[in-house]
């Protein structure tokens, strides 16, 4: 996977988070605002971890193929 795929996924999550906050702001409940914040943090952490894991796999593959 390309690096820009992870960036686009992150931007998408941030945009969805912003839309959720905009709709929840009208209820003025801190609990309703905390849920999208927590979800955004979890999703962004998942994307970062997936990107790092993907980099590691590609590095191992390149090393394995260069030994042939």
Protein backbone atom coordinates (compact mmCIF):
# COMPACT_ATOMS: atom_id res chain seq x y z
CA UNK A 1 0.00 0.00 0.00
CA UNK A 2 1.11 3.52 -0.72
CA UNK A 3 1.72 6.11 1.96
CA UNK A 4 -0.98 8.41 0.58
CA UNK A 5 -3.64 5.74 1.28
CA UNK A 6 -2.93 6.05 4.98
CA UNK A 7 -2.99 9.85 4.79
CA UNK A 8 -6.33 9.80 2.98
CA UNK A 9 -7.74 7.41 5.58
CA UNK A 10 -6.59 9.73 8.36
CA UNK A 11 -8.13 12.77 6.67
CA UNK A 12 -11.38 10.87 6.21
CA UNK A 13 -11.50 9.95 9.90
CA UNK A 14 -10.79 13.53 10.96
CA UNK A 15 -13.56 14.81 8.66
CA UNK A 16 -16.06 12.28 9.98
CA UNK A 17 -15.04 13.25 13.51
CA UNK A 18 -15.59 16.94 12.70
CA UNK A 19 -19.04 16.25 11.28
CA UNK A 20 -19.99 14.22 14.36
CA UNK A 21 -18.83 16.99 16.68
CA UNK A 22 -20.82 19.55 14.69
CA UNK A 23 -24.00 17.50 15.01
CA UNK A 24 -23.39 16.67 18.69
CA UNK A 25 -22.61 20.26 19.68
CA UNK A 26 -26.28 21.12 19.58
CA UNK A 27 -27.02 18.68 22.40
CA UNK A 28 -24.39 20.35 24.62
CA UNK A 29 -23.62 17.14 26.48
CA UNK A 30 -19.98 16.41 27.21
CA UNK A 31 -20.64 12.68 27.05
CA UNK A 32 -21.93 12.94 23.48
CA UNK A 33 -18.83 14.87 22.42
CA UNK A 34 -16.42 12.45 24.17
CA UNK A 35 -17.59 9.46 22.12
CA UNK A 36 -16.51 10.82 18.69
CA UNK A 37 -13.23 12.06 20.19
CA UNK A 38 -12.46 8.61 21.56
CA UNK A 39 -13.42 6.92 18.29
CA UNK A 40 -11.27 9.29 16.26
CA UNK A 41 -8.27 8.64 18.50
CA UNK A 42 -8.76 4.86 18.25
CA UNK A 43 -9.13 4.96 14.46
CA UNK A 44 -6.12 7.24 13.96
CA UNK A 45 -4.02 5.03 16.23
CA UNK A 46 -5.10 2.02 14.20
CA UNK A 47 -4.06 3.72 10.97
CA UNK A 48 -0.64 4.66 12.36
CA UNK A 49 -0.03 1.13 13.65
CA UNK A 50 -1.16 -0.39 10.34
CA UNK A 51 1.16 1.94 8.44
CA UNK A 52 4.16 1.04 10.60
CA UNK A 53 3.39 -2.67 10.29
CA UNK A 54 3.04 -2.31 6.52
CA UNK A 55 6.43 -0.54 6.32
CA UNK A 56 8.04 -3.37 8.28
CA UNK A 57 6.54 -6.01 5.98
CA UNK A 58 7.69 -4.18 2.85
CA UNK A 59 11.20 -3.79 4.26
CA UNK A 60 11.40 -7.51 5.05
CA UNK A 61 10.11 -8.38 1.59
CA UNK A 62 12.65 -6.12 -0.12
CA UNK A 63 15.47 -7.67 1.93
CA UNK A 64 14.29 -11.18 1.15
CA UNK A 65 14.02 -10.45 -2.57
CA UNK A 66 17.43 -8.74 -2.71
CA UNK A 67 19.10 -11.89 -1.33
CA UNK A 68 17.94 -13.94 -4.32
